[in-house]
Amino acid sequence: MSTSSGQHESTFSHCVQQIRSWEDRHLPRSKSYIAFDLFILIGHSATLEQPMTLKELFNSLKHSERGIRYVLDQFVDGGWCEIVGNEQDRRFRRVVATDLLRSKLIEYQEHVLTVYGSLLSTVR
């Protein structure tokens, strides 16, 4: 069964809309991409089992340190991550994903793979 290029683009954009809608309902959000970027970065460091220092986190994102700090505080307050480590030398404190963030990352992965898997099955 063959479909036109326009149908593929329409199906793809529908998949993206489904994923964005799920993100809005289930992931921490802010008015910019800071929250999403933090979620992905902290989640990635958790999957590697290598929590990042605050300095590494600030240097890894292309957002202002002030904006990142604001959203990071919301993450901590919301139970998405914890800041642990040396209180005397704050540069070496690490951002550690909580079980909430880890489980949501798994849910997100499953959702994205399901949505895009359905797209691939229609393309073939």
Protein backbone atom coordinates (compact mmCIF):
# COMPACT_ATOMS: atom_id res chain seq x y z
CA MET A 1 0.00 0.00 0.00
CA SER A 2 1.57 3.26 -1.04
CA THR A 3 0.77 6.69 0.33
CA SER A 4 1.67 10.11 -0.95
CA SER A 5 4.34 12.35 0.58
CA GLY A 6 1.65 14.70 1.87
CA GLN A 7 0.00 11.89 3.78
CA HIS A 8 3.34 10.96 5.40
CA GLU A 9 3.90 14.56 6.43
CA SER A 10 0.38 14.76 7.84
CA THR A 11 0.86 11.52 9.75
CA PHE A 12 4.23 12.67 11.07
CA SER A 13 2.86 16.01 12.25
CA HIS A 14 -0.01 14.15 13.93
CA CYS A 15 2.55 11.96 15.76
CA VAL A 16 4.47 15.02 16.89
CA GLN A 17 1.23 16.59 18.14
CA GLN A 18 0.37 13.41 20.07
CA ILE A 19 3.79 13.39 21.71
CA ARG A 20 3.65 17.10 22.58
CA SER A 21 0.20 16.66 24.07
CA TRP A 22 1.47 13.78 26.23
CA GLU A 23 4.48 15.89 27.28
CA ASP A 24 2.19 18.74 28.34
CA ARG A 25 0.12 16.38 30.50
CA HIS A 26 2.93 14.34 32.08
CA LEU A 27 6.26 16.19 32.12
CA PRO A 28 7.41 19.24 34.05
CA ARG A 29 6.97 22.25 31.78
CA SER A 30 7.88 25.91 31.72
CA LYS A 31 7.24 28.72 29.25
CA SER A 32 10.53 27.90 27.54
CA TYR A 33 12.27 24.62 26.80
CA ILE A 34 14.30 24.80 30.01
CA ALA A 35 12.12 22.29 31.86
CA PHE A 36 12.10 19.81 28.98
CA ASP A 37 15.85 20.19 28.47
CA LEU A 38 16.48 19.67 32.19
CA PHE A 39 14.21 16.63 32.22
CA ILE A 40 16.08 15.03 29.32
CA LEU A 41 19.55 15.98 30.63
CA ILE A 42 18.93 14.77 34.19
CA GLY A 43 17.21 11.65 32.85
CA HIS A 44 20.12 10.91 30.55
CA SER A 45 22.65 11.28 33.36
CA ALA A 46 20.48 8.95 35.47
CA THR A 47 20.46 6.27 32.76
CA LEU A 48 24.26 6.51 32.64
CA GLU A 49 24.31 6.40 36.47
CA GLN A 50 26.53 9.49 36.41
CA PRO A 51 24.72 12.40 38.10
CA MET A 52 26.00 15.75 36.88
CA THR A 53 27.44 18.48 39.07
CA LEU A 54 25.56 21.76 39.10
CA LYS A 55 28.39 23.32 37.13
CA GLU A 56 28.21 20.59 34.45
CA LEU A 57 24.46 21.02 34.26
CA PHE A 58 24.66 24.81 33.82
CA ASN A 59 27.38 24.42 31.17
CA SER A 60 25.41 21.75 29.26
CA LEU A 61 22.35 23.86 28.53
CA LYS A 62 22.06 26.90 26.30
CA HIS A 63 19.86 28.80 28.71
CA SER A 64 20.73 31.47 31.26
CA GLU A 65 21.99 30.22 34.60
CA ARG A 66 19.25 32.22 36.28
CA GLY A 67 16.56 30.53 34.20
CA ILE A 68 18.03 27.10 34.82
CA ARG A 69 18.26 27.75 38.58
CA TYR A 70 14.62 28.86 38.68
CA VAL A 71 13.36 25.73 36.90
CA LEU A 72 15.77 23.47 38.80
CA ASP A 73 14.33 24.77 42.08
CA GLN A 74 10.87 23.85 40.76
CA PHE A 75 12.15 20.36 39.90
CA VAL A 76 13.50 19.91 43.42
CA ASP A 77 10.27 21.23 44.98
CA GLY A 78 8.22 18.95 42.69
CA GLY A 79 10.20 15.86 43.61
CA TRP A 80 11.78 15.37 40.16
CA CYS A 81 15.39 15.55 41.39
CA GLU A 82 17.55 16.22 44.41
CA ILE A 83 20.73 18.22 44.91
CA VAL A 84 23.18 16.16 46.97
CA GLY A 85 26.77 16.49 48.01
CA ASN A 86 29.27 18.79 49.56
CA GLU A 87 27.70 21.77 51.35
CA GLN A 88 31.10 23.48 51.85
CA ASP A 89 32.00 23.46 48.17
CA ARG A 90 28.75 23.87 46.25
CA ARG A 91 30.48 23.33 42.88
CA PHE A 92 30.62 19.62 43.60
CA ARG A 93 26.98 19.12 44.49
CA ARG A 94 25.27 16.70 42.13
CA VAL A 95 21.82 16.72 40.56
CA VAL A 96 20.28 13.30 41.15
CA ALA A 97 17.12 12.06 39.46
CA THR A 98 14.38 10.77 41.75
CA ASP A 99 12.26 7.70 41.12
CA LEU A 100 9.55 10.04 39.79
CA LEU A 101 11.81 11.37 37.05
CA ARG A 102 13.18 7.91 36.23
CA SER A 103 9.71 6.37 35.90
CA LYS A 104 8.41 9.30 33.85
CA LEU A 105 11.40 8.98 31.52
CA ILE A 106 10.52 5.33 30.93
CA GLU A 107 6.86 6.23 30.30
CA TYR A 108 7.95 8.97 27.90
CA GLN A 109 10.23 6.59 26.00
CA GLU A 110 7.46 4.01 25.69
CA HIS A 111 5.00 6.62 24.47
CA VAL A 112 7.37 8.09 21.87
CA LEU A 113 8.33 4.65 20.56
CA THR A 114 4.68 3.61 20.33
CA VAL A 115 3.62 6.76 18.48
CA TYR A 116 6.53 6.71 16.05
CA GLY A 117 6.21 2.92 15.69
CA SER A 118 2.66 3.44 14.46
CA LEU A 119 3.97 6.01 11.96
CA LEU A 120 6.58 3.59 10.64
CA SER A 121 4.00 0.85 10.21
CA THR A 122 1.88 3.16 8.01
CA VAL A 123 4.88 4.18 5.89
CA ARG A 124 5.88 0.64 5.00
